[in-house]
Amino acid sequence: MLKRLVIIGAAVGGAIFLRNKAKQQQAEQDLWTAATDDVQAPVAPAAPAATQTSVPADAAAAGDDAPAAS
């Protein structure tokens, strides 16, 4: 009989411990969420189209920058 009471007591104690641990973790998660929800990533300004350079597809495929001979 005493063995059963010890087992039941350990089970109840374990359940209470796990419940408190879960509440503590949820409280910490809520704290982190509240502390970081207003943070925005910095946005880089868009570069003007005139300053962007690109290589034509023909030159990129040929592997050289010289114009193709006719």
N, C-alpha and C. Protein backbone atom coordinates (compact mmCIF):
# COMPACT_ATOMS: atom_id res chain seq x y z
N MET A 1 0.81 -1.19 0.00
CA MET A 1 0.00 0.00 0.00
C MET A 1 0.86 1.27 0.00
N LEU A 2 1.90 1.29 0.80
CA LEU A 2 2.79 2.43 0.86
C LEU A 2 3.50 2.64 -0.48
N LYS A 3 3.84 1.54 -1.13
CA LYS A 3 4.51 1.60 -2.43
C LYS A 3 3.62 2.31 -3.46
N ARG A 4 2.34 2.02 -3.44
CA ARG A 4 1.39 2.66 -4.36
C ARG A 4 1.28 4.16 -4.08
N LEU A 5 1.25 4.53 -2.83
CA LEU A 5 1.16 5.94 -2.47
C LEU A 5 2.40 6.70 -2.93
N VAL A 6 3.56 6.06 -2.79
CA VAL A 6 4.81 6.69 -3.24
C VAL A 6 4.79 6.88 -4.75
N ILE A 7 4.33 5.87 -5.47
CA ILE A 7 4.26 5.95 -6.94
C ILE A 7 3.27 7.03 -7.37
N ILE A 8 2.11 7.06 -6.72
CA ILE A 8 1.11 8.08 -7.06
C ILE A 8 1.64 9.47 -6.73
N GLY A 9 2.28 9.61 -5.58
CA GLY A 9 2.86 10.90 -5.20
C GLY A 9 3.93 11.36 -6.17
N ALA A 10 4.78 10.42 -6.62
CA ALA A 10 5.82 10.76 -7.60
C ALA A 10 5.19 11.18 -8.93
N ALA A 11 4.14 10.49 -9.33
CA ALA A 11 3.46 10.83 -10.60
C ALA A 11 2.83 12.22 -10.52
N VAL A 12 2.18 12.51 -9.41
CA VAL A 12 1.56 13.83 -9.24
C VAL A 12 2.64 14.91 -9.19
N GLY A 13 3.71 14.64 -8.45
CA GLY A 13 4.81 15.61 -8.37
C GLY A 13 5.44 15.84 -9.73
N GLY A 14 5.62 14.79 -10.50
CA GLY A 14 6.17 14.93 -11.86
C GLY A 14 5.26 15.73 -12.76
N ALA A 15 3.96 15.48 -12.66
CA ALA A 15 3.00 16.22 -13.48
C ALA A 15 3.02 17.71 -13.13
N ILE A 16 3.07 18.02 -11.84
CA ILE A 16 3.11 19.42 -11.41
C ILE A 16 4.41 20.08 -11.89
N PHE A 17 5.53 19.36 -11.79
CA PHE A 17 6.80 19.90 -12.25
C PHE A 17 6.76 20.19 -13.74
N LEU A 18 6.24 19.25 -14.53
CA LEU A 18 6.18 19.44 -15.98
C LEU A 18 5.23 20.58 -16.35
N ARG A 19 4.12 20.71 -15.63
CA ARG A 19 3.18 21.80 -15.91
C ARG A 19 3.83 23.16 -15.63
N ASN A 20 4.53 23.26 -14.51
CA ASN A 20 5.21 24.52 -14.18
C ASN A 20 6.32 24.84 -15.17
N LYS A 21 7.04 23.81 -15.60
CA LYS A 21 8.11 24.01 -16.59
C LYS A 21 7.52 24.52 -17.91
N ALA A 22 6.39 23.95 -18.33
CA ALA A 22 5.74 24.38 -19.57
C ALA A 22 5.26 25.82 -19.46
N LYS A 23 4.71 26.20 -18.30
CA LYS A 23 4.26 27.58 -18.10
C LYS A 23 5.44 28.55 -18.15
N GLN A 24 6.55 28.14 -17.56
CA GLN A 24 7.74 29.00 -17.56
C GLN A 24 8.27 29.19 -18.98
N GLN A 25 8.31 28.13 -19.76
CA GLN A 25 8.78 28.23 -21.14
C GLN A 25 7.85 29.10 -21.97
N GLN A 26 6.53 28.97 -21.75
CA GLN A 26 5.57 29.79 -22.49
C GLN A 26 5.72 31.26 -22.11
N ALA A 27 5.95 31.54 -20.85
CA ALA A 27 6.14 32.92 -20.40
C ALA A 27 7.40 33.52 -21.04
N GLU A 28 8.47 32.74 -21.12
CA GLU A 28 9.69 33.23 -21.75
C GLU A 28 9.48 33.46 -23.24
N GLN A 29 8.75 32.55 -23.90
CA GLN A 29 8.46 32.73 -25.32
C GLN A 29 7.62 33.98 -25.55
N ASP A 30 6.64 34.21 -24.69
CA ASP A 30 5.81 35.43 -24.81
C ASP A 30 6.65 36.68 -24.61
N LEU A 31 7.61 36.63 -23.68
CA LEU A 31 8.49 37.77 -23.45
C LEU A 31 9.33 38.06 -24.69
N TRP A 32 9.90 37.03 -25.29
CA TRP A 32 10.71 37.22 -26.51
C TRP A 32 9.85 37.74 -27.65
N THR A 33 8.65 37.23 -27.77
CA THR A 33 7.76 37.70 -28.83
C THR A 33 7.42 39.17 -28.65
N ALA A 34 7.12 39.55 -27.43
CA ALA A 34 6.79 40.96 -27.16
C ALA A 34 8.00 41.86 -27.37
N ALA A 35 9.18 41.37 -27.07
CA ALA A 35 10.38 42.19 -27.19
C ALA A 35 10.85 42.34 -28.63
N THR A 36 10.50 41.41 -29.49
CA THR A 36 11.05 41.43 -30.85
C THR A 36 10.00 41.62 -31.94
N ASP A 37 8.73 41.80 -31.62
CA ASP A 37 7.73 41.86 -32.67
C ASP A 37 7.74 43.16 -33.46
N ASP A 38 8.27 44.24 -32.91
CA ASP A 38 8.28 45.52 -33.61
C ASP A 38 9.58 45.77 -34.38
N VAL A 39 10.49 44.83 -34.36
CA VAL A 39 11.77 45.02 -35.03
C VAL A 39 11.59 44.78 -36.52
N GLN A 40 12.04 45.74 -37.32
CA GLN A 40 11.95 45.62 -38.78
C GLN A 40 13.35 45.50 -39.36
N ALA A 41 13.51 44.69 -40.37
CA ALA A 41 14.79 44.57 -41.05
C ALA A 41 15.04 45.86 -41.83
N PRO A 42 16.28 46.35 -41.84
CA PRO A 42 16.56 47.57 -42.60
C PRO A 42 16.38 47.31 -44.10
N VAL A 43 15.83 48.28 -44.77
CA VAL A 43 15.58 48.16 -46.20
C VAL A 43 16.62 48.99 -46.93
N ALA A 44 17.37 48.34 -47.84
CA ALA A 44 18.38 49.05 -48.63
C ALA A 44 17.68 49.88 -49.69
N PRO A 45 18.16 51.09 -49.94
CA PRO A 45 17.54 51.90 -50.98
C PRO A 45 17.76 51.27 -52.35
N ALA A 46 16.78 51.38 -53.20
CA ALA A 46 16.87 50.82 -54.55
C ALA A 46 17.85 51.64 -55.38
N ALA A 47 18.69 50.96 -56.14
CA ALA A 47 19.65 51.65 -57.01
C ALA A 47 18.93 52.14 -58.26
N PRO A 48 19.27 53.32 -58.74
CA PRO A 48 18.67 53.82 -59.98
C PRO A 48 18.98 52.89 -61.15
N ALA A 49 18.09 52.80 -62.10
CA ALA A 49 18.24 51.89 -63.23
C ALA A 49 19.42 52.28 -64.12
N ALA A 50 19.78 53.57 -64.17
CA ALA A 50 20.86 54.02 -65.04
C ALA A 50 22.22 53.54 -64.57
N THR A 51 22.38 53.26 -63.29
CA THR A 51 23.69 52.85 -62.78
C THR A 51 23.88 51.33 -62.83
N GLN A 52 22.83 50.60 -63.08
CA GLN A 52 22.96 49.15 -63.15
C GLN A 52 23.47 48.76 -64.54
N THR A 53 24.45 47.88 -64.57
CA THR A 53 24.97 47.42 -65.85
C THR A 53 24.68 45.94 -65.97
N SER A 54 24.50 45.51 -67.19
CA SER A 54 24.27 44.09 -67.43
C SER A 54 24.99 43.67 -68.70
N VAL A 55 25.30 42.42 -68.78
CA VAL A 55 25.98 41.86 -69.95
C VAL A 55 24.91 41.25 -70.84
N PRO A 56 24.92 41.56 -72.14
CA PRO A 56 23.93 40.94 -73.02
C PRO A 56 24.04 39.42 -72.97
N ALA A 57 22.93 38.76 -73.18
CA ALA A 57 22.89 37.30 -73.09
C ALA A 57 23.84 36.65 -74.09
N ASP A 58 24.01 37.25 -75.29
CA ASP A 58 24.90 36.67 -76.30
C ASP A 58 26.35 36.69 -75.81
N ALA A 59 26.79 37.80 -75.24
CA ALA A 59 28.16 37.92 -74.77
C ALA A 59 28.40 37.01 -73.56
N ALA A 60 27.41 36.89 -72.72
CA ALA A 60 27.57 36.04 -71.54
C ALA A 60 27.68 34.57 -71.95
N ALA A 61 26.93 34.19 -72.95
CA ALA A 61 26.97 32.81 -73.41
C ALA A 61 28.28 32.52 -74.14
N ALA A 62 28.80 33.50 -74.87
CA ALA A 62 30.03 33.30 -75.64
C ALA A 62 31.24 33.32 -74.74
N GLY A 63 31.14 33.97 -73.59
CA GLY A 63 32.25 34.00 -72.65
C GLY A 63 33.25 35.10 -72.92
N ASP A 64 32.97 35.99 -73.85
CA ASP A 64 33.88 37.13 -74.09
C ASP A 64 33.05 38.39 -74.22
N ASP A 65 33.75 39.52 -74.13
CA ASP A 65 33.05 40.80 -74.20
C ASP A 65 33.13 41.42 -75.58
N ALA A 66 33.80 40.78 -76.52
CA ALA A 66 33.93 41.33 -77.86
C ALA A 66 32.66 41.06 -78.65
N PRO A 67 32.28 42.02 -79.52
CA PRO A 67 31.09 41.82 -80.34
C PRO A 67 31.33 40.68 -81.34
N ALA A 68 30.27 40.01 -81.68
CA ALA A 68 30.37 38.88 -82.61
C ALA A 68 30.64 39.40 -84.02
N ALA A 69 31.52 38.69 -84.77
CA ALA A 69 31.85 39.09 -86.14
C ALA A 69 30.77 38.56 -87.09
N SER A 70 30.45 39.37 -88.13
CA SER A 70 29.40 38.98 -89.08
C SER A 70 29.97 38.20 -90.23
